[in-house]
Structures are given as C-alpha cells and as structure tokens.
All heavy atoms as atom14 arrays in JSON, in Angstrom:
{
  "sequence": "YKQAKRRHAKYRMKYDRMTGPTEITKKAKKMGFI",
  "atom14_mask": [
    [1, 1, 1, 1, 1, 1, 1, 1, 1, 1, 1, 1, 0, 0],
    [1, 1, 1, 1, 1, 1, 1, 1, 1, 0, 0, 0, 0, 0],
    [1, 1, 1, 1, 1, 1, 1, 1, 1, 0, 0, 0, 0, 0],
    [1, 1, 1, 1, 1, 0, 0, 0, 0, 0, 0, 0, 0, 0],
    [1, 1, 1, 1, 1, 1, 1, 1, 1, 0, 0, 0, 0, 0],
    [1, 1, 1, 1, 1, 1, 1, 1, 1, 1, 1, 0, 0, 0],
    [1, 1, 1, 1, 1, 1, 1, 1, 1, 1, 1, 0, 0, 0],
    [1, 1, 1, 1, 1, 1, 1, 1, 1, 1, 0, 0, 0, 0],
    [1, 1, 1, 1, 1, 0, 0, 0, 0, 0, 0, 0, 0, 0],
    [1, 1, 1, 1, 1, 1, 1, 1, 1, 0, 0, 0, 0, 0],
    [1, 1, 1, 1, 1, 1, 1, 1, 1, 1, 1, 1, 0, 0],
    [1, 1, 1, 1, 1, 1, 1, 1, 1, 1, 1, 0, 0, 0],
    [1, 1, 1, 1, 1, 1, 1, 1, 0, 0, 0, 0, 0, 0],
    [1, 1, 1, 1, 1, 1, 1, 1, 1, 0, 0, 0, 0, 0],
    [1, 1, 1, 1, 1, 1, 1, 1, 1, 1, 1, 1, 0, 0],
    [1, 1, 1, 1, 1, 1, 1, 1, 0, 0, 0, 0, 0, 0],
    [1, 1, 1, 1, 1, 1, 1, 1, 1, 1, 1, 0, 0, 0],
    [1, 1, 1, 1, 1, 1, 1, 1, 0, 0, 0, 0, 0, 0],
    [1, 1, 1, 1, 1, 1, 1, 0, 0, 0, 0, 0, 0, 0],
    [1, 1, 1, 1, 0, 0, 0, 0, 0, 0, 0, 0, 0, 0],
    [1, 1, 1, 1, 1, 1, 1, 0, 0, 0, 0, 0, 0, 0],
    [1, 1, 1, 1, 1, 1, 1, 0, 0, 0, 0, 0, 0, 0],
    [1, 1, 1, 1, 1, 1, 1, 1, 1, 0, 0, 0, 0, 0],
    [1, 1, 1, 1, 1, 1, 1, 1, 0, 0, 0, 0, 0, 0],
    [1, 1, 1, 1, 1, 1, 1, 0, 0, 0, 0, 0, 0, 0],
    [1, 1, 1, 1, 1, 1, 1, 1, 1, 0, 0, 0, 0, 0],
    [1, 1, 1, 1, 1, 1, 1, 1, 1, 0, 0, 0, 0, 0],
    [1, 1, 1, 1, 1, 0, 0, 0, 0, 0, 0, 0, 0, 0],
    [1, 1, 1, 1, 1, 1, 1, 1, 1, 0, 0, 0, 0, 0],
    [1, 1, 1, 1, 1, 1, 1, 1, 1, 0, 0, 0, 0, 0],
    [1, 1, 1, 1, 1, 1, 1, 1, 0, 0, 0, 0, 0, 0],
    [1, 1, 1, 1, 0, 0, 0, 0, 0, 0, 0, 0, 0, 0],
    [1, 1, 1, 1, 1, 1, 1, 1, 1, 1, 1, 0, 0, 0],
    [1, 1, 1, 1, 1, 1, 1, 1, 0, 0, 0, 0, 0, 0]
  ],
  "atom14_positions": [
    [[73.04, 142.11, 134.84], [73.14, 141.38, 133.64], [72.54, 142.01, 132.44], [73.08, 142.05, 131.35], [72.36, 140.02, 133.84], [72.22, 139.21, 132.59], [73.31, 138.39, 132.14], [71.0, 139.08, 131.89], [73.17, 137.7, 131.01], [70.96, 138.2, 130.77], [72.04, 137.59, 130.33], [71.84, 136.8, 129.19], [0.0, 0.0, 0.0], [0.0, 0.0, 0.0]],
    [[71.47, 142.88, 132.49], [70.91, 143.55, 131.43], [71.91, 144.6, 130.95], [72.02, 144.88, 129.84], [69.53, 144.17, 131.66], [68.52, 143.02, 131.87], [67.17, 143.68, 132.2], [66.15, 142.66, 132.41], [64.75, 143.14, 132.85], [0.0, 0.0, 0.0], [0.0, 0.0, 0.0], [0.0, 0.0, 0.0], [0.0, 0.0, 0.0], [0.0, 0.0, 0.0]],
    [[72.51, 145.34, 131.86], [73.47, 146.37, 131.53], [74.61, 145.81, 130.72], [75.2, 146.32, 129.76], [73.91, 147.19, 132.84], [72.99, 148.01, 133.48], [73.63, 148.52, 134.78], [74.58, 148.25, 135.31], [72.71, 149.6, 135.23], [0.0, 0.0, 0.0], [0.0, 0.0, 0.0], [0.0, 0.0, 0.0], [0.0, 0.0, 0.0], [0.0, 0.0, 0.0]],
    [[75.16, 144.66, 131.36], [76.25, 144.05, 130.51], [75.91, 143.46, 129.24], [76.67, 143.65, 128.14], [76.75, 142.8, 131.3], [0.0, 0.0, 0.0], [0.0, 0.0, 0.0], [0.0, 0.0, 0.0], [0.0, 0.0, 0.0], [0.0, 0.0, 0.0], [0.0, 0.0, 0.0], [0.0, 0.0, 0.0], [0.0, 0.0, 0.0], [0.0, 0.0, 0.0]],
    [[74.68, 143.11, 129.15], [74.03, 142.63, 127.75], [74.08, 143.91, 126.78], [74.55, 143.62, 125.53], [72.9, 141.98, 127.98], [72.37, 141.01, 126.95], [71.13, 140.28, 127.26], [70.64, 139.43, 126.15], [69.42, 138.72, 126.49], [0.0, 0.0, 0.0], [0.0, 0.0, 0.0], [0.0, 0.0, 0.0], [0.0, 0.0, 0.0], [0.0, 0.0, 0.0]],
    [[73.53, 145.02, 127.29], [73.53, 146.2, 126.4], [74.89, 146.64, 125.97], [75.12, 146.94, 124.87], [72.75, 147.24, 127.2], [71.21, 147.09, 127.13], [70.48, 148.43, 127.6], [70.89, 148.75, 129.0], [70.37, 148.47, 130.07], [69.15, 147.75, 130.04], [70.61, 148.8, 131.25], [0.0, 0.0, 0.0], [0.0, 0.0, 0.0], [0.0, 0.0, 0.0]],
    [[75.77, 146.61, 127.05], [77.25, 147.0, 126.71], [77.8, 145.97, 125.69], [78.53, 146.54, 124.62], [77.99, 146.97, 127.94], [79.24, 147.89, 127.85], [79.96, 147.89, 129.2], [79.19, 148.33, 130.46], [78.91, 147.4, 131.47], [79.68, 146.31, 131.6], [78.18, 147.81, 132.43], [0.0, 0.0, 0.0], [0.0, 0.0, 0.0], [0.0, 0.0, 0.0]],
    [[77.63, 144.77, 125.7], [78.03, 143.81, 124.7], [77.52, 144.11, 123.31], [78.27, 144.13, 122.3], [77.8, 142.45, 125.2], [78.26, 141.32, 124.22], [77.43, 140.74, 123.36], [79.56, 140.75, 124.1], [78.01, 140.04, 122.67], [79.18, 139.79, 123.07], [0.0, 0.0, 0.0], [0.0, 0.0, 0.0], [0.0, 0.0, 0.0], [0.0, 0.0, 0.0]],
    [[76.19, 144.34, 123.32], [75.73, 144.66, 122.18], [76.23, 145.87, 121.39], [76.39, 145.94, 120.16], [74.1, 144.85, 122.23], [0.0, 0.0, 0.0], [0.0, 0.0, 0.0], [0.0, 0.0, 0.0], [0.0, 0.0, 0.0], [0.0, 0.0, 0.0], [0.0, 0.0, 0.0], [0.0, 0.0, 0.0], [0.0, 0.0, 0.0], [0.0, 0.0, 0.0]],
    [[76.44, 146.88, 122.18], [77.04, 148.07, 121.69], [78.42, 147.83, 121.1], [78.75, 148.26, 120.0], [77.17, 149.25, 122.81], [77.78, 150.48, 122.55], [77.73, 151.32, 123.63], [78.39, 152.66, 123.46], [78.58, 153.45, 124.7], [0.0, 0.0, 0.0], [0.0, 0.0, 0.0], [0.0, 0.0, 0.0], [0.0, 0.0, 0.0], [0.0, 0.0, 0.0]],
    [[79.34, 147.11, 121.86], [80.63, 146.79, 121.39], [80.61, 145.88, 120.2], [81.32, 145.99, 119.19], [81.45, 146.2, 122.51], [81.9, 147.1, 123.7], [81.85, 146.62, 124.89], [82.19, 148.43, 123.34], [82.21, 147.56, 126.05], [82.51, 149.26, 124.36], [82.47, 148.78, 125.65], [82.89, 149.54, 126.71], [0.0, 0.0, 0.0], [0.0, 0.0, 0.0]],
    [[79.67, 144.94, 120.17], [79.45, 144.05, 118.92], [79.09, 144.86, 117.62], [79.67, 144.6, 116.52], [78.33, 143.0, 119.3], [78.13, 142.19, 118.2], [79.28, 141.0, 118.17], [79.02, 140.15, 117.09], [79.9, 139.17, 116.79], [80.81, 139.02, 117.41], [79.75, 138.35, 115.78], [0.0, 0.0, 0.0], [0.0, 0.0, 0.0], [0.0, 0.0, 0.0]],
    [[78.35, 145.9, 117.87], [77.83, 146.77, 116.71], [79.07, 147.52, 116.21], [79.34, 147.67, 114.98], [76.71, 147.62, 117.09], [76.12, 148.39, 115.94], [74.72, 149.43, 116.34], [75.42, 150.58, 117.61], [0.0, 0.0, 0.0], [0.0, 0.0, 0.0], [0.0, 0.0, 0.0], [0.0, 0.0, 0.0], [0.0, 0.0, 0.0], [0.0, 0.0, 0.0]],
    [[79.91, 148.09, 117.18], [81.12, 148.76, 116.67], [82.07, 147.94, 116.07], [82.66, 148.3, 114.94], [81.86, 149.25, 117.89], [81.35, 150.63, 118.52], [82.31, 151.19, 119.64], [81.73, 152.49, 120.09], [82.68, 153.01, 121.21], [0.0, 0.0, 0.0], [0.0, 0.0, 0.0], [0.0, 0.0, 0.0], [0.0, 0.0, 0.0], [0.0, 0.0, 0.0]],
    [[82.18, 146.71, 116.5], [83.22, 145.62, 115.8], [82.7, 145.33, 114.53], [83.39, 145.23, 113.52], [83.22, 144.45, 116.8], [83.94, 143.25, 116.04], [85.5, 143.33, 116.06], [83.49, 142.3, 115.56], [86.3, 142.37, 115.5], [84.16, 141.28, 114.92], [85.61, 141.32, 114.97], [86.3, 140.27, 114.29], [0.0, 0.0, 0.0], [0.0, 0.0, 0.0]],
    [[81.35, 145.04, 114.38], [80.79, 144.69, 113.11], [80.87, 145.88, 112.1], [81.18, 145.59, 110.77], [79.21, 144.41, 113.13], [79.04, 143.04, 113.85], [80.03, 142.25, 113.86], [77.91, 142.74, 114.37], [0.0, 0.0, 0.0], [0.0, 0.0, 0.0], [0.0, 0.0, 0.0], [0.0, 0.0, 0.0], [0.0, 0.0, 0.0], [0.0, 0.0, 0.0]],
    [[80.74, 147.21, 112.51], [80.91, 148.35, 111.57], [82.44, 148.44, 111.18], [82.83, 148.59, 110.09], [80.52, 149.6, 112.32], [79.16, 149.71, 112.31], [78.79, 151.08, 113.0], [77.33, 151.18, 113.14], [76.73, 152.11, 113.86], [77.43, 152.98, 114.56], [75.41, 152.17, 113.85], [0.0, 0.0, 0.0], [0.0, 0.0, 0.0], [0.0, 0.0, 0.0]],
    [[83.47, 147.97, 112.05], [84.81, 148.18, 111.82], [85.22, 147.19, 110.86], [86.19, 147.3, 110.06], [85.72, 148.12, 113.07], [85.56, 149.27, 113.9], [86.21, 149.19, 115.61], [87.85, 148.48, 115.26], [0.0, 0.0, 0.0], [0.0, 0.0, 0.0], [0.0, 0.0, 0.0], [0.0, 0.0, 0.0], [0.0, 0.0, 0.0], [0.0, 0.0, 0.0]],
    [[84.58, 145.95, 110.78], [84.94, 144.78, 109.98], [84.04, 144.62, 108.91], [84.18, 143.51, 108.24], [85.17, 143.59, 110.82], [83.85, 143.26, 111.37], [86.24, 143.68, 111.88], [0.0, 0.0, 0.0], [0.0, 0.0, 0.0], [0.0, 0.0, 0.0], [0.0, 0.0, 0.0], [0.0, 0.0, 0.0], [0.0, 0.0, 0.0], [0.0, 0.0, 0.0]],
    [[83.01, 145.43, 108.73], [82.12, 145.29, 107.64], [82.65, 145.56, 106.22], [83.72, 146.06, 106.0], [0.0, 0.0, 0.0], [0.0, 0.0, 0.0], [0.0, 0.0, 0.0], [0.0, 0.0, 0.0], [0.0, 0.0, 0.0], [0.0, 0.0, 0.0], [0.0, 0.0, 0.0], [0.0, 0.0, 0.0], [0.0, 0.0, 0.0], [0.0, 0.0, 0.0]],
    [[82.03, 145.17, 105.15], [82.55, 145.38, 103.8], [82.63, 146.74, 103.5], [83.62, 147.11, 102.65], [81.41, 144.67, 102.92], [80.28, 144.25, 103.81], [80.71, 144.54, 105.21], [0.0, 0.0, 0.0], [0.0, 0.0, 0.0], [0.0, 0.0, 0.0], [0.0, 0.0, 0.0], [0.0, 0.0, 0.0], [0.0, 0.0, 0.0], [0.0, 0.0, 0.0]],
    [[81.89, 147.71, 103.79], [82.04, 149.08, 103.42], [83.4, 149.56, 104.0], [84.0, 150.42, 103.3], [80.86, 150.02, 103.89], [80.7, 149.76, 105.38], [79.65, 149.44, 103.17], [0.0, 0.0, 0.0], [0.0, 0.0, 0.0], [0.0, 0.0, 0.0], [0.0, 0.0, 0.0], [0.0, 0.0, 0.0], [0.0, 0.0, 0.0], [0.0, 0.0, 0.0]],
    [[83.76, 149.42, 105.24], [84.94, 149.79, 105.87], [86.12, 149.14, 105.25], [87.08, 149.96, 105.03], [84.82, 149.47, 107.4], [85.86, 150.14, 108.11], [85.44, 151.68, 108.28], [84.3, 152.08, 108.21], [86.55, 152.53, 108.46], [0.0, 0.0, 0.0], [0.0, 0.0, 0.0], [0.0, 0.0, 0.0], [0.0, 0.0, 0.0], [0.0, 0.0, 0.0]],
    [[86.01, 147.96, 104.83], [87.24, 147.4, 104.26], [87.44, 147.96, 102.89], [88.63, 148.02, 102.48], [86.97, 145.64, 104.2], [87.06, 145.2, 105.58], [87.88, 145.1, 103.24], [86.62, 143.68, 105.7], [0.0, 0.0, 0.0], [0.0, 0.0, 0.0], [0.0, 0.0, 0.0], [0.0, 0.0, 0.0], [0.0, 0.0, 0.0], [0.0, 0.0, 0.0]],
    [[86.43, 148.09, 102.12], [86.52, 148.57, 100.74], [87.18, 150.12, 100.77], [88.02, 150.48, 100.02], [85.28, 148.72, 99.86], [84.29, 149.27, 100.68], [84.85, 147.26, 99.6], [0.0, 0.0, 0.0], [0.0, 0.0, 0.0], [0.0, 0.0, 0.0], [0.0, 0.0, 0.0], [0.0, 0.0, 0.0], [0.0, 0.0, 0.0], [0.0, 0.0, 0.0]],
    [[86.79, 150.85, 101.82], [87.28, 152.21, 102.0], [88.7, 152.18, 102.13], [89.63, 152.85, 101.77], [86.57, 152.97, 103.05], [85.19, 153.42, 102.83], [84.57, 154.15, 103.99], [83.19, 154.63, 103.66], [82.65, 155.24, 104.91], [0.0, 0.0, 0.0], [0.0, 0.0, 0.0], [0.0, 0.0, 0.0], [0.0, 0.0, 0.0], [0.0, 0.0, 0.0]],
    [[89.2, 151.21, 103.12], [90.63, 151.13, 103.54], [91.4, 150.63, 102.27], [92.57, 151.09, 102.14], [90.75, 150.15, 104.78], [90.33, 150.82, 106.05], [90.5, 149.88, 107.16], [90.11, 150.48, 108.54], [90.16, 149.62, 109.61], [0.0, 0.0, 0.0], [0.0, 0.0, 0.0], [0.0, 0.0, 0.0], [0.0, 0.0, 0.0], [0.0, 0.0, 0.0]],
    [[90.8, 149.65, 101.58], [91.55, 149.06, 100.37], [91.69, 150.21, 99.34], [92.79, 150.31, 98.65], [90.64, 147.94, 99.83], [0.0, 0.0, 0.0], [0.0, 0.0, 0.0], [0.0, 0.0, 0.0], [0.0, 0.0, 0.0], [0.0, 0.0, 0.0], [0.0, 0.0, 0.0], [0.0, 0.0, 0.0], [0.0, 0.0, 0.0], [0.0, 0.0, 0.0]],
    [[90.86, 151.09, 99.12], [90.99, 152.22, 98.12], [91.96, 153.11, 98.59], [92.76, 153.64, 97.76], [89.58, 152.93, 97.96], [88.67, 152.16, 97.0], [87.45, 152.99, 96.8], [86.43, 152.1, 95.94], [85.14, 152.87, 95.79], [0.0, 0.0, 0.0], [0.0, 0.0, 0.0], [0.0, 0.0, 0.0], [0.0, 0.0, 0.0], [0.0, 0.0, 0.0]],
    [[92.1, 153.35, 99.87], [93.1, 154.26, 100.48], [94.57, 153.62, 100.27], [95.46, 154.39, 99.97], [92.88, 154.53, 101.96], [91.91, 155.58, 102.27], [91.7, 155.87, 103.75], [90.53, 156.68, 104.13], [90.44, 156.9, 105.51], [0.0, 0.0, 0.0], [0.0, 0.0, 0.0], [0.0, 0.0, 0.0], [0.0, 0.0, 0.0], [0.0, 0.0, 0.0]],
    [[94.66, 152.34, 100.23], [95.86, 151.76, 100.14], [96.33, 151.52, 98.57], [97.33, 151.07, 98.18], [95.85, 150.26, 100.77], [95.83, 150.51, 102.21], [95.49, 148.9, 103.04], [97.12, 148.38, 103.3], [0.0, 0.0, 0.0], [0.0, 0.0, 0.0], [0.0, 0.0, 0.0], [0.0, 0.0, 0.0], [0.0, 0.0, 0.0], [0.0, 0.0, 0.0]],
    [[95.38, 151.75, 97.73], [95.66, 151.7, 96.22], [95.14, 150.42, 95.58], [95.48, 150.31, 94.33], [0.0, 0.0, 0.0], [0.0, 0.0, 0.0], [0.0, 0.0, 0.0], [0.0, 0.0, 0.0], [0.0, 0.0, 0.0], [0.0, 0.0, 0.0], [0.0, 0.0, 0.0], [0.0, 0.0, 0.0], [0.0, 0.0, 0.0], [0.0, 0.0, 0.0]],
    [[94.31, 149.74, 96.26], [93.87, 148.56, 95.56], [92.71, 148.92, 94.52], [91.93, 150.0, 94.66], [93.3, 147.62, 96.57], [94.32, 146.85, 97.23], [94.7, 147.27, 98.56], [94.84, 145.67, 96.74], [95.47, 146.56, 99.34], [95.99, 145.03, 97.39], [96.33, 145.42, 98.69], [0.0, 0.0, 0.0], [0.0, 0.0, 0.0], [0.0, 0.0, 0.0]],
    [[92.45, 148.13, 93.47], [91.45, 148.47, 92.47], [90.43, 147.37, 92.55], [90.69, 146.19, 92.81], [92.04, 148.52, 91.13], [93.2, 149.51, 91.0], [90.95, 148.67, 90.14], [93.88, 149.4, 89.66], [0.0, 0.0, 0.0], [0.0, 0.0, 0.0], [0.0, 0.0, 0.0], [0.0, 0.0, 0.0], [0.0, 0.0, 0.0], [0.0, 0.0, 0.0]]
  ]
}
C-alpha cells in the first residue's frame, strides 16, 4: 500500500506539472498566442 501510494504521488506530481500554468503558457506561446 505504501509503495502504491508513493507511485500515485509521483504520477500526480507529473500530471500537475504537465497541466500547470507555466507549461500551458509555454505551449500557448509556441502556438502563437499573445
């Protein structure tokens, strides 16, 4: 259970980084948004 909990926390952190505001603004600038 503790291993699964650590694995879930690791995946949650990756997801939060992928959907965070800094990542979204970087992708928006690459697409040409102002």
